[in-house]
Amino acid sequence: MKNYVQPGNTITLTVPYAVTSGDGLLVGSIFGVAAGDAANAETVEAALVGIFDLKKVASQAWSAGDKVYWDNTNKEATKTATANTLIGVAVEAVAGGAGDLIGRVRLNASF
């Protein structure tokens, strides 16, 4: 196919805020996980598919299969849909204690 460009598992994005490798970032409707560090308005390779451990809302329990959203204000994953962007699903349960700050998420790259 002469119009094929790339698989699309990762793409280069101009970040709207500083990120560190492993941080989630939202550019318009595109959510990805930064593969490196980048300052505001720099470019970074971002993974769009895969399973990642992401910072999550404290004191929020997750079950495997829960829809996961990105809270771009607080830069963390959440089960709260209102005003947030759907990014994927939880792949394992996580407790809801104040110290439970990481959730395992399978990204949905269909957006």
Protein backbone atom coordinates (compact mmCIF):
# COMPACT_ATOMS: atom_id res chain seq x y z
CA MET A 1 0.00 0.00 0.00
CA LYS A 2 1.55 3.25 -1.03
CA ASN A 3 -0.50 5.25 1.50
CA TYR A 4 0.63 3.22 4.58
CA VAL A 5 2.57 5.36 7.06
CA GLN A 6 3.24 3.35 10.26
CA PRO A 7 1.61 0.90 12.71
CA GLY A 8 0.63 3.76 15.03
CA ASN A 9 1.59 2.09 18.31
CA THR A 10 3.67 5.16 19.12
CA ILE A 11 3.53 8.64 17.69
CA THR A 12 5.40 11.89 18.17
CA LEU A 13 3.37 14.49 20.04
CA THR A 14 4.01 18.08 21.06
CA VAL A 15 3.36 18.09 24.78
CA PRO A 16 0.96 20.65 26.28
CA TYR A 17 2.77 20.47 29.65
CA ALA A 18 6.08 19.08 30.90
CA VAL A 19 6.23 15.28 31.15
CA THR A 20 8.63 12.69 32.50
CA SER A 21 9.11 9.26 30.97
CA GLY A 22 6.11 7.12 31.99
CA ASP A 23 3.75 10.05 32.52
CA GLY A 24 0.37 10.12 30.85
CA LEU A 25 -0.37 13.01 28.52
CA LEU A 26 -3.42 14.22 26.66
CA VAL A 27 -3.15 16.10 23.37
CA GLY A 28 -6.63 16.91 22.13
CA SER A 29 -8.33 13.49 22.19
CA ILE A 30 -5.05 11.55 21.92
CA PHE A 31 -3.86 9.93 25.16
CA GLY A 32 -0.43 8.38 25.39
CA VAL A 33 2.34 7.52 27.79
CA ALA A 34 5.56 9.50 27.36
CA ALA A 35 8.59 7.42 26.34
CA GLY A 36 10.95 10.16 27.51
CA ASP A 37 11.12 13.52 29.23
CA ALA A 38 9.91 16.70 27.50
CA ALA A 39 9.34 20.29 28.52
CA ASN A 40 6.15 22.16 27.62
CA ALA A 41 5.82 22.54 23.81
CA GLU A 42 8.61 20.03 23.06
CA THR A 43 7.98 16.76 21.24
CA VAL A 44 8.03 13.28 22.76
CA GLU A 45 7.33 9.77 21.55
CA ALA A 46 4.13 8.54 23.17
CA ALA A 47 2.88 4.96 23.40
CA LEU A 48 -0.79 4.62 22.46
CA VAL A 49 -1.24 0.90 23.11
CA GLY A 50 -0.13 -1.48 25.81
CA ILE A 51 -0.53 -2.01 29.53
CA PHE A 52 0.90 0.65 31.83
CA ASP A 53 1.07 1.39 35.53
CA LEU A 54 -0.31 4.93 35.86
CA LYS A 55 -0.75 7.33 38.74
CA LYS A 56 -4.36 7.08 39.92
CA VAL A 57 -6.72 8.90 42.23
CA ALA A 58 -5.98 8.05 45.85
CA SER A 59 -8.74 6.31 47.84
CA GLN A 60 -10.45 5.00 44.69
CA ALA A 61 -10.78 1.21 44.37
CA TRP A 62 -10.68 -0.36 40.91
CA SER A 63 -11.84 -3.75 39.68
CA ALA A 64 -10.51 -5.50 36.60
CA GLY A 65 -12.51 -4.31 33.61
CA ASP A 66 -13.46 -0.91 35.05
CA LYS A 67 -13.35 1.89 32.49
CA VAL A 68 -10.47 4.24 33.21
CA TYR A 69 -10.43 7.94 32.36
CA TRP A 70 -7.71 10.60 32.33
CA ASP A 71 -8.17 13.59 34.62
CA ASN A 72 -6.07 16.13 32.74
CA THR A 73 -6.39 18.74 35.50
CA ASN A 74 -4.79 16.49 38.13
CA LYS A 75 -2.76 14.41 35.62
CA GLU A 76 -3.99 11.06 36.95
CA ALA A 77 -6.19 8.11 36.03
CA THR A 78 -9.67 7.80 37.52
CA LYS A 79 -12.94 5.87 37.25
CA THR A 80 -14.81 9.19 37.19
CA ALA A 81 -16.16 9.80 33.70
CA THR A 82 -17.49 13.34 34.15
CA ALA A 83 -15.22 15.93 32.46
CA ASN A 84 -12.52 13.30 31.84
CA THR A 85 -11.28 11.38 28.76
CA LEU A 86 -11.72 7.60 28.39
CA ILE A 87 -8.25 6.03 28.00
CA GLY A 88 -8.79 2.30 28.58
CA VAL A 89 -9.64 -0.31 31.20
CA ALA A 90 -8.19 -1.52 34.47
CA VAL A 91 -6.59 -4.94 34.04
CA GLU A 92 -6.39 -5.80 37.72
CA ALA A 93 -8.03 -4.81 40.95
CA VAL A 94 -6.43 -2.15 43.11
CA ALA A 95 -7.43 -1.26 46.66
CA GLY A 96 -8.91 2.09 47.55
CA GLY A 97 -6.60 3.12 50.37
CA ALA A 98 -4.99 6.54 50.56
CA GLY A 99 -1.64 4.96 49.63
CA ASP A 100 -2.97 3.06 46.60
CA LEU A 101 -1.70 5.48 43.97
CA ILE A 102 -0.92 3.22 40.98
CA GLY A 103 -3.37 1.45 38.70
CA ARG A 104 -2.61 -0.95 35.84
CA VAL A 105 -4.36 0.20 32.65
CA ARG A 106 -4.70 -1.27 29.16
CA LEU A 107 -4.78 1.70 26.84
CA ASN A 108 -7.50 1.95 24.22
CA ALA A 109 -5.84 3.37 21.14
CA SER A 110 -9.05 3.51 19.10
CA PHE A 111 -9.60 7.24 19.63
